[in-house]
């Protein structure tokens, strides 16, 4: 386990605890697969894809765009049928395992219900 994973096991929003669990539990709590796209124009891609209604985050990770979406599988299916972005050259995709940064983005953006994983003492 990475040191940063061990240190970040609680998630807060607005000063309120919204998730608590081991790093593994928090990573497993993400409901949707994480999709990474490989496109030539990554900065344009961040702006274009980040503006889609079902996308709540786009990050640049090792030259690829990590897409945080409500239904990544449906997005990918539609893109494989028809890639609608002429100014973004499609180079491929992969599914990736979430890390603690992904957990933080999902919870801080309100993608998960508040207190869903907070255990009462």
Protein backbone atom coordinates (compact mmCIF):
# COMPACT_ATOMS: atom_id res chain seq x y z
CA UNK A 1 0.00 0.00 0.00
CA UNK A 2 1.29 3.44 -0.87
CA UNK A 3 2.06 5.72 2.05
CA UNK A 4 -0.38 8.35 0.79
CA UNK A 5 -3.15 5.71 0.67
CA UNK A 6 -2.50 4.87 4.30
CA UNK A 7 -2.70 8.53 5.29
CA UNK A 8 -5.88 9.36 3.40
CA UNK A 9 -8.65 7.12 4.67
CA UNK A 10 -11.26 9.74 5.56
CA UNK A 11 -12.92 12.06 3.04
CA UNK A 12 -14.37 15.45 3.96
CA UNK A 13 -16.60 17.97 2.15
CA UNK A 14 -17.48 21.32 3.63
CA UNK A 15 -15.86 20.31 6.93
CA UNK A 16 -18.12 17.25 7.23
CA UNK A 17 -16.93 13.65 7.13
CA UNK A 18 -18.50 12.03 4.06
CA UNK A 19 -16.59 8.74 3.87
CA UNK A 20 -14.55 6.62 6.18
CA UNK A 21 -12.94 3.27 5.58
CA UNK A 22 -9.72 1.58 4.68
CA UNK A 23 -8.13 2.67 1.41
CA UNK A 24 -9.22 -0.63 -0.14
CA UNK A 25 -12.84 -0.17 1.01
CA UNK A 26 -12.94 3.38 -0.32
CA UNK A 27 -11.48 2.36 -3.69
CA UNK A 28 -13.98 -0.49 -3.97
CA UNK A 29 -16.83 1.90 -3.19
CA UNK A 30 -16.52 3.55 -6.60
CA UNK A 31 -19.47 2.28 -8.61
CA UNK A 32 -18.23 2.90 -12.12
CA UNK A 33 -15.14 1.66 -13.90
CA UNK A 34 -12.50 4.27 -14.61
CA UNK A 35 -11.78 4.89 -18.25
CA UNK A 36 -8.55 6.32 -19.58
CA UNK A 37 -8.53 7.71 -23.09
CA UNK A 38 -5.49 8.19 -25.22
CA UNK A 39 -6.08 11.14 -27.53
CA UNK A 40 -3.55 13.29 -29.32
CA UNK A 41 -4.78 16.68 -28.11
CA UNK A 42 -5.05 16.07 -24.36
CA UNK A 43 -5.55 19.68 -23.26
CA UNK A 44 -8.42 20.17 -25.72
CA UNK A 45 -9.77 16.80 -24.60
CA UNK A 46 -9.82 17.87 -20.96
CA UNK A 47 -11.95 20.88 -21.82
CA UNK A 48 -14.29 19.14 -24.27
CA UNK A 49 -14.87 15.93 -22.31
CA UNK A 50 -15.03 17.74 -18.98
CA UNK A 51 -18.06 19.65 -20.24
CA UNK A 52 -20.16 16.54 -20.91
CA UNK A 53 -23.23 16.20 -18.67
CA UNK A 54 -22.44 12.72 -17.30
CA UNK A 55 -18.74 13.42 -16.73
CA UNK A 56 -17.85 14.78 -13.31
CA UNK A 57 -14.10 14.92 -13.81
CA UNK A 58 -11.30 14.62 -16.34
CA UNK A 59 -7.68 14.38 -15.25
CA UNK A 60 -4.42 14.18 -17.10
CA UNK A 61 -2.57 11.04 -15.94
CA UNK A 62 0.66 9.97 -17.66
CA UNK A 63 -0.36 11.55 -20.95
CA UNK A 64 -3.86 10.05 -20.93
CA UNK A 65 -7.24 11.42 -19.89
CA UNK A 66 -8.82 9.69 -16.92
CA UNK A 67 -12.58 10.05 -17.19
CA UNK A 68 -14.74 10.13 -14.05
CA UNK A 69 -18.27 9.49 -15.26
CA UNK A 70 -21.57 8.18 -13.99
CA UNK A 71 -21.55 5.41 -16.63
CA UNK A 72 -18.15 5.01 -18.26
CA UNK A 73 -19.16 1.84 -20.07
CA UNK A 74 -22.05 3.58 -21.85
CA UNK A 75 -19.81 6.50 -22.79
CA UNK A 76 -17.19 4.18 -24.24
CA UNK A 77 -19.81 2.19 -26.15
CA UNK A 78 -21.16 5.34 -27.77
CA UNK A 79 -17.65 6.59 -28.60
CA UNK A 80 -16.66 3.27 -30.15
CA UNK A 81 -19.76 3.43 -32.35
CA UNK A 82 -19.11 7.06 -33.33
CA UNK A 83 -16.28 9.32 -32.15
CA UNK A 84 -17.93 12.78 -32.40
CA UNK A 85 -14.87 14.99 -31.79
CA UNK A 86 -13.14 15.83 -35.06
CA UNK A 87 -10.43 17.90 -33.37
CA UNK A 88 -9.46 15.06 -30.97
CA UNK A 89 -7.63 12.18 -32.56
CA UNK A 90 -8.63 8.87 -30.91
CA UNK A 91 -5.59 6.69 -30.13
CA UNK A 92 -7.14 4.13 -27.77
CA UNK A 93 -8.47 3.46 -24.28
CA UNK A 94 -7.94 1.30 -21.20
CA UNK A 95 -9.76 0.49 -17.96
CA UNK A 96 -7.85 1.38 -14.80
CA UNK A 97 -8.06 0.61 -11.10
CA UNK A 98 -8.97 3.61 -8.92
CA UNK A 99 -6.47 5.17 -6.56
CA UNK A 100 -7.08 7.43 -3.57
CA UNK A 101 -7.08 10.53 -5.76
CA UNK A 102 -9.98 9.02 -7.70
CA UNK A 103 -11.80 8.36 -4.42
CA UNK A 104 -11.28 11.95 -3.33
CA UNK A 105 -12.61 13.30 -6.64
CA UNK A 106 -15.69 11.07 -6.55
CA UNK A 107 -16.62 12.02 -2.99
CA UNK A 108 -15.68 15.70 -3.15
CA UNK A 109 -17.74 16.16 -6.33
CA UNK A 110 -20.78 14.65 -4.62
CA UNK A 111 -20.84 11.55 -6.80
CA UNK A 112 -21.49 9.38 -3.75
CA UNK A 113 -24.19 9.93 -1.17
CA UNK A 114 -23.01 11.75 1.92
CA UNK A 115 -22.20 9.53 4.87
CA UNK A 116 -22.76 6.39 2.82
CA UNK A 117 -19.59 4.78 4.13
CA UNK A 118 -19.23 6.57 7.46
CA UNK A 119 -19.38 4.03 10.24
CA UNK A 120 -21.04 5.15 13.44
CA UNK A 121 -19.15 4.59 16.70
